[in-house]
């Protein structure tokens, strides 16, 4: 382990930065040194508010700063590839907010940029860095609930501002990219396979952005993934996994943030797999609960990135995984658009 620190710059003044600044400062081998905006005054005001040493009035100036090692890209989705590649070409490591890319072709561009510059580009899909995700994956792979049959999830909140960037189809807006991409990654991870086919439907805004999205994924093992994500429904986060011998209920499977406890409940029948009536299945259940108190997946995200940069640890989310996640999301959008099942 080296004594060197990773010196971070923030590319944009997006509100999501507030989730990362404290984790960067909490990580003993990190230092937040610079912020960039397209407007110098905005950058200077932001730097003053958040006690950041250097402020730049253009993104290019941040990339030219030789005292910056890594950049957190928190731009709108449609700008992720362009600026992540520019950061890599400037010799900077990149932690880019999810979704990393909007197409498979963009994922290929990212991979090429990382390889030719010898840097790490990693997607900031925060729930994937939290130990809860791996715990659930191990429960499933270890047979804790028998053979997996269904993973189901909900992720929703009300977004009323029609001018929000998440409502802009030109910038990769929509509930699926914003929330559903988490659900897709979770299901791929805990089932341990890639979906073979997907089907979906959506409710769209006048501009064509998906406001609510309902999806089903079919996996080779015979399991299904089902999720609903929405800008139109009361804020809710929940996940359930159903197997042949039990089920898992996760209270916060993809929103592990400070101020909230995350609970994973494992419910099994006392004896053989459930084969009787529904009422019989509710009897003699055993429950194991694991709690992650006041959890913060953003800290895990930053810690992981620093470990990869300084110690050479393999990235938690390799670019190949981001590529595959994007491929599934693109297939879901195609299914909703064309009204048919799509092979992935």
C-alpha atoms as a PDB file:
ATOM      1  CA  UNK A   1       0.000   0.000   0.000  1.00  0.00           C
ATOM      2  CA  UNK A   2       1.329   3.397  -1.023  1.00  0.00           C
ATOM      3  CA  UNK A   3       1.226   6.699   0.910  1.00  0.00           C
ATOM      4  CA  UNK A   4       0.296   8.554  -2.266  1.00  0.00           C
ATOM      5  CA  UNK A   5      -3.083  10.287  -2.424  1.00  0.00           C
ATOM      6  CA  UNK A   6      -5.575  10.436  -5.268  1.00  0.00           C
ATOM      7  CA  UNK A   7      -6.264  14.095  -6.061  1.00  0.00           C
ATOM      8  CA  UNK A   8      -9.824  14.496  -7.304  1.00  0.00           C
ATOM      9  CA  UNK A   9     -11.477  17.013  -9.591  1.00  0.00           C
ATOM     10  CA  UNK A  10     -15.210  17.393 -10.161  1.00  0.00           C
ATOM     11  CA  UNK A  11     -16.403  17.866 -13.733  1.00  0.00           C
ATOM     12  CA  UNK A  12     -19.596  19.966 -13.371  1.00  0.00           C
ATOM     13  CA  UNK A  13     -21.453  21.424 -10.418  1.00  0.00           C
ATOM     14  CA  UNK A  14     -24.289  18.876 -10.517  1.00  0.00           C
ATOM     15  CA  UNK A  15     -26.165  18.239  -7.302  1.00  0.00           C
ATOM     16  CA  UNK A  16     -25.056  14.596  -7.245  1.00  0.00           C
ATOM     17  CA  UNK A  17     -21.555  15.897  -6.378  1.00  0.00           C
ATOM     18  CA  UNK A  18     -22.818  16.413  -2.835  1.00  0.00           C
ATOM     19  CA  UNK A  19     -23.059  12.631  -2.474  1.00  0.00           C
ATOM     20  CA  UNK A  20     -19.373  12.205  -3.368  1.00  0.00           C
ATOM     21  CA  UNK A  21     -17.576  15.098  -1.696  1.00  0.00           C
ATOM     22  CA  UNK A  22     -17.813  13.798   1.861  1.00  0.00           C
ATOM     23  CA  UNK A  23     -16.759  10.243   0.887  1.00  0.00           C
ATOM     24  CA  UNK A  24     -13.767  11.657  -1.002  1.00  0.00           C
ATOM     25  CA  UNK A  25     -12.742  13.627   2.074  1.00  0.00           C
ATOM     26  CA  UNK A  26     -13.390  10.653   4.368  1.00  0.00           C
ATOM     27  CA  UNK A  27     -11.117   8.406   2.300  1.00  0.00           C
ATOM     28  CA  UNK A  28      -7.672   8.885   3.904  1.00  0.00           C
ATOM     29  CA  UNK A  29      -5.880   8.503   0.583  1.00  0.00           C
ATOM     30  CA  UNK A  30      -8.054  11.011  -1.269  1.00  0.00           C
ATOM     31  CA  UNK A  31      -8.044  14.759  -1.619  1.00  0.00           C
ATOM     32  CA  UNK A  32     -10.630  16.979  -3.334  1.00  0.00           C
ATOM     33  CA  UNK A  33      -8.649  19.707  -5.129  1.00  0.00           C
ATOM     34  CA  UNK A  34     -10.636  21.188  -8.022  1.00  0.00           C
ATOM     35  CA  UNK A  35     -14.038  21.929  -9.522  1.00  0.00           C
ATOM     36  CA  UNK A  36     -14.906  22.890 -13.104  1.00  0.00           C
ATOM     37  CA  UNK A  37     -17.938  24.553 -14.633  1.00  0.00           C
ATOM     38  CA  UNK A  38     -18.582  26.158 -17.992  1.00  0.00           C
ATOM     39  CA  UNK A  39     -18.969  29.471 -16.111  1.00  0.00           C
ATOM     40  CA  UNK A  40     -16.030  30.686 -14.036  1.00  0.00           C
ATOM     41  CA  UNK A  41     -18.156  32.575 -11.498  1.00  0.00           C
ATOM     42  CA  UNK A  42     -20.324  29.505 -10.949  1.00  0.00           C
ATOM     43  CA  UNK A  43     -17.212  27.400 -10.363  1.00  0.00           C
ATOM     44  CA  UNK A  44     -15.743  29.967  -7.967  1.00  0.00           C
ATOM     45  CA  UNK A  45     -18.975  30.253  -5.983  1.00  0.00           C
ATOM     46  CA  UNK A  46     -19.197  26.483  -5.793  1.00  0.00           C
ATOM     47  CA  UNK A  47     -15.577  26.150  -4.689  1.00  0.00           C
ATOM     48  CA  UNK A  48     -16.127  28.746  -1.976  1.00  0.00           C
ATOM     49  CA  UNK A  49     -19.306  27.055  -0.752  1.00  0.00           C
ATOM     50  CA  UNK A  50     -17.725  23.591  -0.560  1.00  0.00           C
ATOM     51  CA  UNK A  51     -14.166  24.594   0.351  1.00  0.00           C
ATOM     52  CA  UNK A  52     -12.510  23.330  -2.820  1.00  0.00           C
ATOM     53  CA  UNK A  53      -9.037  24.854  -3.475  1.00  0.00           C
ATOM     54  CA  UNK A  54      -9.188  25.457  -7.239  1.00  0.00           C
ATOM     55  CA  UNK A  55     -12.020  26.535  -9.550  1.00  0.00           C
ATOM     56  CA  UNK A  56     -11.991  26.435 -13.345  1.00  0.00           C
ATOM     57  CA  UNK A  57     -14.287  28.174 -15.811  1.00  0.00           C
ATOM     58  CA  UNK A  58     -13.994  25.395 -18.410  1.00  0.00           C
ATOM     59  CA  UNK A  59     -13.780  21.629 -18.396  1.00  0.00           C
ATOM     60  CA  UNK A  60     -10.632  21.788 -20.516  1.00  0.00           C
ATOM     61  CA  UNK A  61      -8.803  23.716 -17.790  1.00  0.00           C
ATOM     62  CA  UNK A  62      -9.533  20.959 -15.286  1.00  0.00           C
ATOM     63  CA  UNK A  63      -8.222  18.340 -17.687  1.00  0.00           C
ATOM     64  CA  UNK A  64      -5.019  20.364 -18.116  1.00  0.00           C
ATOM     65  CA  UNK A  65      -4.361  20.487 -14.347  1.00  0.00           C
ATOM     66  CA  UNK A  66      -1.365  18.248 -13.756  1.00  0.00           C
ATOM     67  CA  UNK A  67      -2.150  18.014 -10.053  1.00  0.00           C
ATOM     68  CA  UNK A  68      -5.449  16.180 -10.670  1.00  0.00           C
ATOM     69  CA  UNK A  69      -5.268  12.377 -10.802  1.00  0.00           C
ATOM     70  CA  UNK A  70      -8.919  11.384 -11.046  1.00  0.00           C
ATOM     71  CA  UNK A  71     -12.094  13.071 -12.211  1.00  0.00           C
ATOM     72  CA  UNK A  72     -15.666  12.439 -11.171  1.00  0.00           C
ATOM     73  CA  UNK A  73     -17.893  13.013 -14.215  1.00  0.00           C
ATOM     74  CA  UNK A  74     -21.377  14.081 -13.143  1.00  0.00           C
ATOM     75  CA  UNK A  75     -22.560  15.573 -16.424  1.00  0.00           C
ATOM     76  CA  UNK A  76     -25.892  14.674 -18.079  1.00  0.00           C
ATOM     77  CA  UNK A  77     -26.006  11.109 -19.421  1.00  0.00           C
ATOM     78  CA  UNK A  78     -25.604  12.157 -23.031  1.00  0.00           C
ATOM     79  CA  UNK A  79     -22.224  13.767 -22.309  1.00  0.00           C
ATOM     80  CA  UNK A  80     -20.675  10.896 -20.353  1.00  0.00           C
ATOM     81  CA  UNK A  81     -18.820   9.263 -23.211  1.00  0.00           C
ATOM     82  CA  UNK A  82     -17.453  12.459 -24.764  1.00  0.00           C
ATOM     83  CA  UNK A  83     -15.990  13.819 -21.547  1.00  0.00           C
ATOM     84  CA  UNK A  84     -14.905  10.521 -20.009  1.00  0.00           C
ATOM     85  CA  UNK A  85     -12.874   9.831 -23.138  1.00  0.00           C
ATOM     86  CA  UNK A  86     -11.404  13.371 -23.021  1.00  0.00           C
ATOM     87  CA  UNK A  87     -10.475  12.860 -19.371  1.00  0.00           C
ATOM     88  CA  UNK A  88      -8.773   9.563 -20.199  1.00  0.00           C
ATOM     89  CA  UNK A  89      -6.893  11.151 -23.091  1.00  0.00           C
ATOM     90  CA  UNK A  90      -5.659  13.768 -20.606  1.00  0.00           C
ATOM     91  CA  UNK A  91      -4.246  10.951 -18.476  1.00  0.00           C
ATOM     92  CA  UNK A  92      -6.926  11.101 -15.776  1.00  0.00           C
ATOM     93  CA  UNK A  93      -8.668   8.187 -14.110  1.00  0.00           C
ATOM     94  CA  UNK A  94     -12.438   8.487 -14.415  1.00  0.00           C
ATOM     95  CA  UNK A  95     -15.308   7.702 -12.093  1.00  0.00           C
ATOM     96  CA  UNK A  96     -18.362   8.466 -14.219  1.00  0.00           C
ATOM     97  CA  UNK A  97     -21.875   8.640 -12.864  1.00  0.00           C
ATOM     98  CA  UNK A  98     -24.244   5.936 -14.087  1.00  0.00           C
ATOM     99  CA  UNK A  99     -25.224   5.166 -16.732  1.00  0.00           C
ATOM    100  CA  UNK A 100     -21.669   5.135 -17.992  1.00  0.00           C
ATOM    101  CA  UNK A 101     -22.802   4.792 -21.603  1.00  0.00           C
ATOM    102  CA  UNK A 102     -26.036   4.823 -23.595  1.00  0.00           C
ATOM    103  CA  UNK A 103     -24.965   2.392 -26.335  1.00  0.00           C
ATOM    104  CA  UNK A 104     -22.663  -0.577 -26.797  1.00  0.00           C
ATOM    105  CA  UNK A 105     -20.629   1.474 -29.273  1.00  0.00           C
ATOM    106  CA  UNK A 106     -19.991   4.094 -26.588  1.00  0.00           C
ATOM    107  CA  UNK A 107     -18.798   1.341 -24.231  1.00  0.00           C
ATOM    108  CA  UNK A 108     -16.291   0.269 -26.875  1.00  0.00           C
ATOM    109  CA  UNK A 109     -15.031   3.870 -27.122  1.00  0.00           C
ATOM    110  CA  UNK A 110     -14.558   3.972 -23.351  1.00  0.00           C
ATOM    111  CA  UNK A 111     -12.654   0.695 -23.332  1.00  0.00           C
ATOM    112  CA  UNK A 112     -10.347   1.859 -26.116  1.00  0.00           C
ATOM    113  CA  UNK A 113      -9.671   5.165 -24.332  1.00  0.00           C
ATOM    114  CA  UNK A 114      -8.857   3.454 -21.042  1.00  0.00           C
ATOM    115  CA  UNK A 115      -6.524   0.993 -22.737  1.00  0.00           C
ATOM    116  CA  UNK A 116      -4.575   3.468 -24.844  1.00  0.00           C
ATOM    117  CA  UNK A 117      -4.051   5.830 -21.901  1.00  0.00           C
ATOM    118  CA  UNK A 118      -3.434   3.265 -19.173  1.00  0.00           C
ATOM    119  CA  UNK A 119      -6.162   4.667 -16.917  1.00  0.00           C
ATOM    120  CA  UNK A 120      -9.204   3.336 -15.107  1.00  0.00           C
ATOM    121  CA  UNK A 121     -12.686   4.284 -16.261  1.00  0.00           C
ATOM    122  CA  UNK A 122     -15.346   3.011 -13.912  1.00  0.00           C
ATOM    123  CA  UNK A 123     -19.092   3.438 -13.647  1.00  0.00           C
ATOM    124  CA  UNK A 124     -20.476   5.033 -10.490  1.00  0.00           C
ATOM    125  CA  UNK A 125     -23.377   2.628 -10.008  1.00  0.00           C
ATOM    126  CA  UNK A 126     -23.179   2.998  -6.249  1.00  0.00           C
ATOM    127  CA  UNK A 127     -25.295   0.010  -5.142  1.00  0.00           C
ATOM    128  CA  UNK A 128     -22.894  -2.384  -6.857  1.00  0.00           C
ATOM    129  CA  UNK A 129     -20.054  -1.337  -4.529  1.00  0.00           C
ATOM    130  CA  UNK A 130     -22.026  -1.940  -1.335  1.00  0.00           C
ATOM    131  CA  UNK A 131     -21.371  -5.281   0.430  1.00  0.00           C
ATOM    132  CA  UNK A 132     -25.112  -5.968   0.543  1.00  0.00           C
ATOM    133  CA  UNK A 133     -25.138  -6.698  -3.198  1.00  0.00           C
ATOM    134  CA  UNK A 134     -22.431  -9.340  -2.915  1.00  0.00           C
ATOM    135  CA  UNK A 135     -24.104 -10.782   0.186  1.00  0.00           C
ATOM    136  CA  UNK A 136     -27.353 -11.331  -1.715  1.00  0.00           C
ATOM    137  CA  UNK A 137     -25.439 -12.766  -4.670  1.00  0.00           C
ATOM    138  CA  UNK A 138     -23.732 -15.264  -2.374  1.00  0.00           C
ATOM    139  CA  UNK A 139     -27.045 -16.219  -0.764  1.00  0.00           C
ATOM    140  CA  UNK A 140     -28.486 -17.044  -4.171  1.00  0.00           C
ATOM    141  CA  UNK A 141     -25.419 -18.853  -5.533  1.00  0.00           C
ATOM    142  CA  UNK A 142     -25.091 -20.789  -2.263  1.00  0.00           C
ATOM    143  CA  UNK A 143     -28.626 -22.134  -2.522  1.00  0.00           C
ATOM    144  CA  UNK A 144     -30.030 -20.290   0.509  1.00  0.00           C
ATOM    145  CA  UNK A 145     -33.448 -20.137  -1.181  1.00  0.00           C
ATOM    146  CA  UNK A 146     -33.062 -23.115  -3.505  1.00  0.00           C
ATOM    147  CA  UNK A 147     -33.157 -22.493  -7.240  1.00  0.00           C
ATOM    148  CA  UNK A 148     -33.810 -18.864  -8.109  1.00  0.00           C
ATOM    149  CA  UNK A 149     -37.089 -18.312  -9.941  1.00  0.00           C
ATOM    150  CA  UNK A 150     -37.867 -14.600  -9.704  1.00  0.00           C
ATOM    151  CA  UNK A 151     -36.190 -11.300  -8.862  1.00  0.00           C
ATOM    152  CA  UNK A 152     -38.611  -8.407  -8.585  1.00  0.00           C
ATOM    153  CA  UNK A 153     -38.013  -4.749  -7.836  1.00  0.00           C
ATOM    154  CA  UNK A 154     -39.495  -1.264  -7.593  1.00  0.00           C
ATOM    155  CA  UNK A 155     -37.667   2.062  -7.805  1.00  0.00           C
ATOM    156  CA  UNK A 156     -39.743   5.232  -7.990  1.00  0.00           C
ATOM    157  CA  UNK A 157     -40.072   8.879  -7.058  1.00  0.00           C
ATOM    158  CA  UNK A 158     -42.106  11.815  -8.332  1.00  0.00           C
ATOM    159  CA  UNK A 159     -40.289  14.137 -10.723  1.00  0.00           C
ATOM    160  CA  UNK A 160     -42.488  17.089 -11.607  1.00  0.00           C
ATOM    161  CA  UNK A 161     -40.062  19.541 -13.257  1.00  0.00           C
ATOM    162  CA  UNK A 162     -40.499  19.163 -17.055  1.00  0.00           C
ATOM    163  CA  UNK A 163     -37.212  21.022 -17.618  1.00  0.00           C
ATOM    164  CA  UNK A 164     -35.131  18.633 -15.514  1.00  0.00           C
ATOM    165  CA  UNK A 165     -32.306  17.072 -17.538  1.00  0.00           C
ATOM    166  CA  UNK A 166     -33.770  13.652 -16.711  1.00  0.00           C
ATOM    167  CA  UNK A 167     -36.716  14.646 -18.904  1.00  0.00           C
ATOM    168  CA  UNK A 168     -34.502  15.424 -21.917  1.00  0.00           C
ATOM    169  CA  UNK A 169     -34.490  12.676 -24.573  1.00  0.00           C
ATOM    170  CA  UNK A 170     -31.366  14.169 -26.172  1.00  0.00           C
ATOM    171  CA  UNK A 171     -29.414  13.660 -22.931  1.00  0.00           C
ATOM    172  CA  UNK A 172     -30.358  10.061 -22.175  1.00  0.00           C
ATOM    173  CA  UNK A 173     -33.289  10.990 -19.970  1.00  0.00           C
ATOM    174  CA  UNK A 174     -36.007   8.693 -18.698  1.00  0.00           C
ATOM    175  CA  UNK A 175     -36.826   6.534 -15.718  1.00  0.00           C
ATOM    176  CA  UNK A 176     -35.140   3.455 -17.198  1.00  0.00           C
ATOM    177  CA  UNK A 177     -31.683   5.010 -17.515  1.00  0.00           C
ATOM    178  CA  UNK A 178     -32.048   6.873 -14.227  1.00  0.00           C
ATOM    179  CA  UNK A 179     -33.428   4.084 -12.019  1.00  0.00           C
ATOM    180  CA  UNK A 180     -34.098   0.979 -14.073  1.00  0.00           C
ATOM    181  CA  UNK A 181     -30.430   0.583 -14.968  1.00  0.00           C
ATOM    182  CA  UNK A 182     -29.822  -0.136 -11.267  1.00  0.00           C
ATOM    183  CA  UNK A 183     -32.503  -2.823 -11.335  1.00  0.00           C
ATOM    184  CA  UNK A 184     -31.016  -4.431 -14.442  1.00  0.00           C
ATOM    185  CA  UNK A 185     -27.527  -4.533 -12.916  1.00  0.00           C
ATOM    186  CA  UNK A 186     -28.834  -5.962  -9.632  1.00  0.00           C
ATOM    187  CA  UNK A 187     -30.719  -8.758 -11.393  1.00  0.00           C
ATOM    188  CA  UNK A 188     -27.820  -9.673 -13.652  1.00  0.00           C
ATOM    189  CA  UNK A 189     -25.507  -9.742 -10.628  1.00  0.00           C
ATOM    190  CA  UNK A 190     -27.544 -11.751  -8.136  1.00  0.00           C
ATOM    191  CA  UNK A 191     -28.783 -14.277 -10.707  1.00  0.00           C
ATOM    192  CA  UNK A 192     -25.270 -14.588 -12.091  1.00  0.00           C
ATOM    193  CA  UNK A 193     -26.338 -14.797 -15.727  1.00  0.00           C
ATOM    194  CA  UNK A 194     -27.119 -12.547 -18.654  1.00  0.00           C
ATOM    195  CA  UNK A 195     -30.739 -12.307 -19.813  1.00  0.00           C
ATOM    196  CA  UNK A 196     -31.576 -14.000 -23.104  1.00  0.00           C
ATOM    197  CA  UNK A 197     -34.628 -11.924 -23.924  1.00  0.00           C
ATOM    198  CA  UNK A 198     -36.523  -8.945 -22.607  1.00  0.00           C
ATOM    199  CA  UNK A 199     -39.953  -7.382 -22.926  1.00  0.00           C
ATOM    200  CA  UNK A 200     -41.165  -4.009 -21.729  1.00  0.00           C
ATOM    201  CA  UNK A 201     -43.745  -1.260 -21.891  1.00  0.00           C
ATOM    202  CA  UNK A 202     -43.628   2.396 -20.959  1.00  0.00           C
ATOM    203  CA  UNK A 203     -45.644   5.543 -20.378  1.00  0.00           C
ATOM    204  CA  UNK A 204     -44.015   8.400 -22.276  1.00  0.00           C
ATOM    205  CA  UNK A 205     -43.864  12.163 -21.963  1.00  0.00           C
ATOM    206  CA  UNK A 206     -44.776  14.420 -24.867  1.00  0.00           C
ATOM    207  CA  UNK A 207     -41.073  14.514 -25.707  1.00  0.00           C
ATOM    208  CA  UNK A 208     -40.831  10.720 -25.782  1.00  0.00           C
ATOM    209  CA  UNK A 209     -39.036  10.153 -22.477  1.00  0.00           C
ATOM    210  CA  UNK A 210     -40.186   7.161 -20.450  1.00  0.00           C
ATOM    211  CA  UNK A 211     -41.911   8.446 -17.304  1.00  0.00           C
ATOM    212  CA  UNK A 212     -42.827   4.959 -16.089  1.00  0.00           C
ATOM    213  CA  UNK A 213     -41.288   1.715 -17.277  1.00  0.00           C
ATOM    214  CA  UNK A 214     -42.266  -1.917 -16.659  1.00  0.00           C
ATOM    215  CA  UNK A 215     -39.881  -4.694 -17.688  1.00  0.00           C
ATOM    216  CA  UNK A 216     -39.364  -8.439 -17.700  1.00  0.00           C
ATOM    217  CA  UNK A 217     -36.053 -10.221 -18.281  1.00  0.00           C
ATOM    218  CA  UNK A 218     -35.749 -13.930 -19.061  1.00  0.00           C
ATOM    219  CA  UNK A 219     -32.614 -15.772 -17.904  1.00  0.00           C
ATOM    220  CA  UNK A 220     -31.155 -19.109 -19.133  1.00  0.00           C
ATOM    221  CA  UNK A 221     -31.637 -20.765 -15.712  1.00  0.00           C
ATOM    222  CA  UNK A 222     -35.394 -20.306 -15.962  1.00  0.00           C
ATOM    223  CA  UNK A 223     -35.548 -17.290 -13.664  1.00  0.00           C
ATOM    224  CA  UNK A 224     -37.330 -14.067 -14.473  1.00  0.00           C
ATOM    225  CA  UNK A 225     -36.448 -10.530 -13.514  1.00  0.00           C
ATOM    226  CA  UNK A 226     -39.296  -8.033 -13.229  1.00  0.00           C
ATOM    227  CA  UNK A 227     -39.126  -4.395 -12.273  1.00  0.00           C
ATOM    228  CA  UNK A 228     -41.053  -1.135 -12.325  1.00  0.00           C
ATOM    229  CA  UNK A 229     -39.372   2.265 -12.278  1.00  0.00           C
ATOM    230  CA  UNK A 230     -41.146   5.590 -12.440  1.00  0.00           C
ATOM    231  CA  UNK A 231     -41.024   9.365 -12.204  1.00  0.00           C
ATOM    232  CA  UNK A 232     -44.778   9.282 -11.591  1.00  0.00           C
ATOM    233  CA  UNK A 233     -45.149   7.205  -8.430  1.00  0.00           C
ATOM    234  CA  UNK A 234     -44.646   7.754  -4.719  1.00  0.00           C
ATOM    235  CA  UNK A 235     -41.018   7.284  -3.688  1.00  0.00           C
ATOM    236  CA  UNK A 236     -40.383   3.596  -3.070  1.00  0.00           C
ATOM    237  CA  UNK A 237     -37.441   1.194  -3.164  1.00  0.00           C
ATOM    238  CA  UNK A 238     -37.778  -2.537  -2.633  1.00  0.00           C
ATOM    239  CA  UNK A 239     -36.515  -5.874  -3.926  1.00  0.00           C
ATOM    240  CA  UNK A 240     -37.657  -9.489  -3.584  1.00  0.00           C
ATOM    241  CA  UNK A 241     -36.097 -12.749  -4.691  1.00  0.00           C
ATOM    242  CA  UNK A 242     -38.119 -15.957  -4.842  1.00  0.00           C
ATOM    243  CA  UNK A 243     -36.613 -19.431  -5.000  1.00  0.00           C
ATOM    244  CA  UNK A 244     -37.839 -23.014  -4.759  1.00  0.00           C
ATOM    245  CA  UNK A 245     -37.110 -23.179  -1.028  1.00  0.00           C
ATOM    246  CA  UNK A 246     -37.466 -19.650   0.249  1.00  0.00           C
ATOM    247  CA  UNK A 247     -37.308 -15.965  -0.492  1.00  0.00           C
ATOM    248  CA  UNK A 248     -35.183 -12.890   0.185  1.00  0.00           C
ATOM    249  CA  UNK A 249     -36.589  -9.448   0.883  1.00  0.00           C
ATOM    250  CA  UNK A 250     -34.260  -6.439   0.581  1.00  0.00           C
ATOM    251  CA  UNK A 251     -35.592  -3.149   1.918  1.00  0.00           C
ATOM    252  CA  UNK A 252     -33.052  -1.020   0.048  1.00  0.00           C
ATOM    253  CA  UNK A 253     -31.395  -3.042  -2.732  1.00  0.00           C
ATOM    254  CA  UNK A 254     -30.267  -0.143  -4.934  1.00  0.00           C
ATOM    255  CA  UNK A 255     -30.489   3.006  -2.813  1.00  0.00           C
ATOM    256  CA  UNK A 256     -27.918   2.523  -0.069  1.00  0.00           C
ATOM    257  CA  UNK A 257     -27.526   6.043   1.277  1.00  0.00           C
ATOM    258  CA  UNK A 258     -26.655   7.728   4.580  1.00  0.00           C
ATOM    259  CA  UNK A 259     -29.470   8.046   7.071  1.00  0.00           C
ATOM    260  CA  UNK A 260     -31.141   4.783   6.113  1.00  0.00           C
ATOM    261  CA  UNK A 261     -30.660   1.264   7.417  1.00  0.00           C
ATOM    262  CA  UNK A 262     -30.702  -1.519   4.816  1.00  0.00           C
ATOM    263  CA  UNK A 263     -32.162  -4.884   5.821  1.00  0.00           C
ATOM    264  CA  UNK A 264     -31.909  -8.237   4.054  1.00  0.00           C
ATOM    265  CA  UNK A 265     -34.461 -10.799   5.274  1.00  0.00           C
ATOM    266  CA  UNK A 266     -34.082 -14.470   4.350  1.00  0.00           C
ATOM    267  CA  UNK A 267     -37.285 -16.484   4.769  1.00  0.00           C
ATOM    268  CA  UNK A 268     -37.237 -20.262   4.489  1.00  0.00           C
ATOM    269  CA  UNK A 269     -39.644 -23.063   5.201  1.00  0.00           C
ATOM    270  CA  UNK A 270     -38.818 -25.362   8.102  1.00  0.00           C
ATOM    271  CA  UNK A 271     -38.436 -28.592   6.178  1.00  0.00           C
ATOM    272  CA  UNK A 272     -38.828 -29.548   2.529  1.00  0.00           C
ATOM    273  CA  UNK A 273     -39.482 -27.057  -0.262  1.00  0.00           C
ATOM    274  CA  UNK A 274     -42.994 -25.610  -0.341  1.00  0.00           C
ATOM    275  CA  UNK A 275     -45.274 -27.884  -2.334  1.00  0.00           C
ATOM    276  CA  UNK A 276     -48.591 -27.477  -0.558  1.00  0.00           C
ATOM    277  CA  UNK A 277     -51.178 -24.730  -0.518  1.00  0.00           C
ATOM    278  CA  UNK A 278     -50.365 -21.071  -0.063  1.00  0.00           C
ATOM    279  CA  UNK A 279     -51.540 -21.294   3.571  1.00  0.00           C
ATOM    280  CA  UNK A 280     -49.268 -24.274   4.220  1.00  0.00           C
ATOM    281  CA  UNK A 281     -46.382 -22.279   2.803  1.00  0.00           C
ATOM    282  CA  UNK A 282     -46.817 -19.582   5.429  1.00  0.00           C
ATOM    283  CA  UNK A 283     -46.289 -21.986   8.336  1.00  0.00           C
ATOM    284  CA  UNK A 284     -43.057 -22.844  10.188  1.00  0.00           C
ATOM    285  CA  UNK A 285     -40.933 -20.204   8.529  1.00  0.00           C
ATOM    286  CA  UNK A 286     -37.429 -19.364   9.669  1.00  0.00           C
ATOM    287  CA  UNK A 287     -36.190 -15.795   9.228  1.00  0.00           C
ATOM    288  CA  UNK A 288     -32.585 -14.589   9.179  1.00  0.00           C
ATOM    289  CA  UNK A 289     -31.980 -10.856   8.984  1.00  0.00           C
ATOM    290  CA  UNK A 290     -28.804  -8.973   8.140  1.00  0.00           C
ATOM    291  CA  UNK A 291     -28.764  -5.220   8.724  1.00  0.00           C
ATOM    292  CA  UNK A 292     -26.461  -2.616   7.227  1.00  0.00           C
ATOM    293  CA  UNK A 293     -26.921   0.385   9.553  1.00  0.00           C
ATOM    294  CA  UNK A 294     -26.785   3.934   8.174  1.00  0.00           C
ATOM    295  CA  UNK A 295     -25.261   2.575   5.007  1.00  0.00           C
ATOM    296  CA  UNK A 296     -23.367   4.668   2.426  1.00  0.00           C
ATOM    297  CA  UNK A 297     -22.634   3.014  -0.886  1.00  0.00           C
ATOM    298  CA  UNK A 298     -21.027   6.233  -2.146  1.00  0.00           C
ATOM    299  CA  UNK A 299     -18.225   5.758   0.379  1.00  0.00           C
ATOM    300  CA  UNK A 300     -17.742   2.190  -0.827  1.00  0.00           C
ATOM    301  CA  UNK A 301     -17.650   3.521  -4.384  1.00  0.00           C
ATOM    302  CA  UNK A 302     -14.904   6.056  -3.653  1.00  0.00           C
ATOM    303  CA  UNK A 303     -12.891   3.624  -1.514  1.00  0.00           C
ATOM    304  CA  UNK A 304     -12.999   1.041  -4.296  1.00  0.00           C
ATOM    305  CA  UNK A 305     -11.843   3.516  -6.942  1.00  0.00           C
ATOM    306  CA  UNK A 306      -8.920   4.666  -4.793  1.00  0.00           C
ATOM    307  CA  UNK A 307      -7.874   1.069  -4.136  1.00  0.00           C
ATOM    308  CA  UNK A 308      -7.913   0.328  -7.860  1.00  0.00           C
ATOM    309  CA  UNK A 309      -5.849   3.431  -8.688  1.00  0.00           C
ATOM    310  CA  UNK A 310      -3.245   3.152  -5.922  1.00  0.00           C
ATOM    311  CA  UNK A 311      -3.069  -0.573  -5.210  1.00  0.00           C
ATOM    312  CA  UNK A 312      -3.908  -2.040  -8.598  1.00  0.00           C
ATOM    313  CA  UNK A 313      -7.049  -3.821  -7.428  1.00  0.00           C
ATOM    314  CA  UNK A 314      -9.392  -4.942 -10.185  1.00  0.00           C
ATOM    315  CA  UNK A 315     -12.284  -2.544 -10.726  1.00  0.00           C
ATOM    316  CA  UNK A 316     -15.515  -3.661  -9.064  1.00  0.00           C
ATOM    317  CA  UNK A 317     -17.395  -2.796 -12.253  1.00  0.00           C
ATOM    318  CA  UNK A 318     -15.253  -3.659 -15.287  1.00  0.00           C
ATOM    319  CA  UNK A 319     -16.072  -1.875 -18.525  1.00  0.00           C
ATOM    320  CA  UNK A 320     -17.304  -5.168 -19.973  1.00  0.00           C
ATOM    321  CA  UNK A 321     -20.030  -5.217 -17.314  1.00  0.00           C
ATOM    322  CA  UNK A 322     -21.085  -1.646 -18.085  1.00  0.00           C
ATOM    323  CA  UNK A 323     -21.201  -2.621 -21.752  1.00  0.00           C
ATOM    324  CA  UNK A 324     -23.504  -5.558 -21.062  1.00  0.00           C
ATOM    325  CA  UNK A 325     -25.762  -3.538 -18.781  1.00  0.00           C
ATOM    326  CA  UNK A 326     -26.176  -0.948 -21.518  1.00  0.00           C
ATOM    327  CA  UNK A 327     -26.969  -3.670 -24.049  1.00  0.00           C
ATOM    328  CA  UNK A 328     -29.832  -4.916 -21.871  1.00  0.00           C
ATOM    329  CA  UNK A 329     -31.225  -1.414 -21.296  1.00  0.00           C
ATOM    330  CA  UNK A 330     -31.079  -0.653 -25.031  1.00  0.00           C
ATOM    331  CA  UNK A 331     -32.959  -3.915 -25.724  1.00  0.00           C
ATOM    332  CA  UNK A 332     -35.615  -2.974 -23.167  1.00  0.00           C
ATOM    333  CA  UNK A 333     -36.116   0.420 -24.811  1.00  0.00           C
ATOM    334  CA  UNK A 334     -36.427  -1.289 -28.194  1.00  0.00           C
ATOM    335  CA  UNK A 335     -39.007  -3.712 -26.779  1.00  0.00           C
ATOM    336  CA  UNK A 336     -41.109  -0.894 -25.347  1.00  0.00           C
ATOM    337  CA  UNK A 337     -40.845   1.045 -28.607  1.00  0.00           C
ATOM    338  CA  UNK A 338     -41.712  -1.877 -30.896  1.00  0.00           C
ATOM    339  CA  UNK A 339     -44.086  -3.744 -28.606  1.00  0.00           C
ATOM    340  CA  UNK A 340     -42.369  -7.120 -28.895  1.00  0.00           C
ATOM    341  CA  UNK A 341     -39.916  -9.395 -27.118  1.00  0.00           C
ATOM    342  CA  UNK A 342     -36.274  -8.665 -27.966  1.00  0.00           C
ATOM    343  CA  UNK A 343     -33.383 -11.109 -27.885  1.00  0.00           C
ATOM    344  CA  UNK A 344     -30.332  -9.726 -26.088  1.00  0.00           C
END
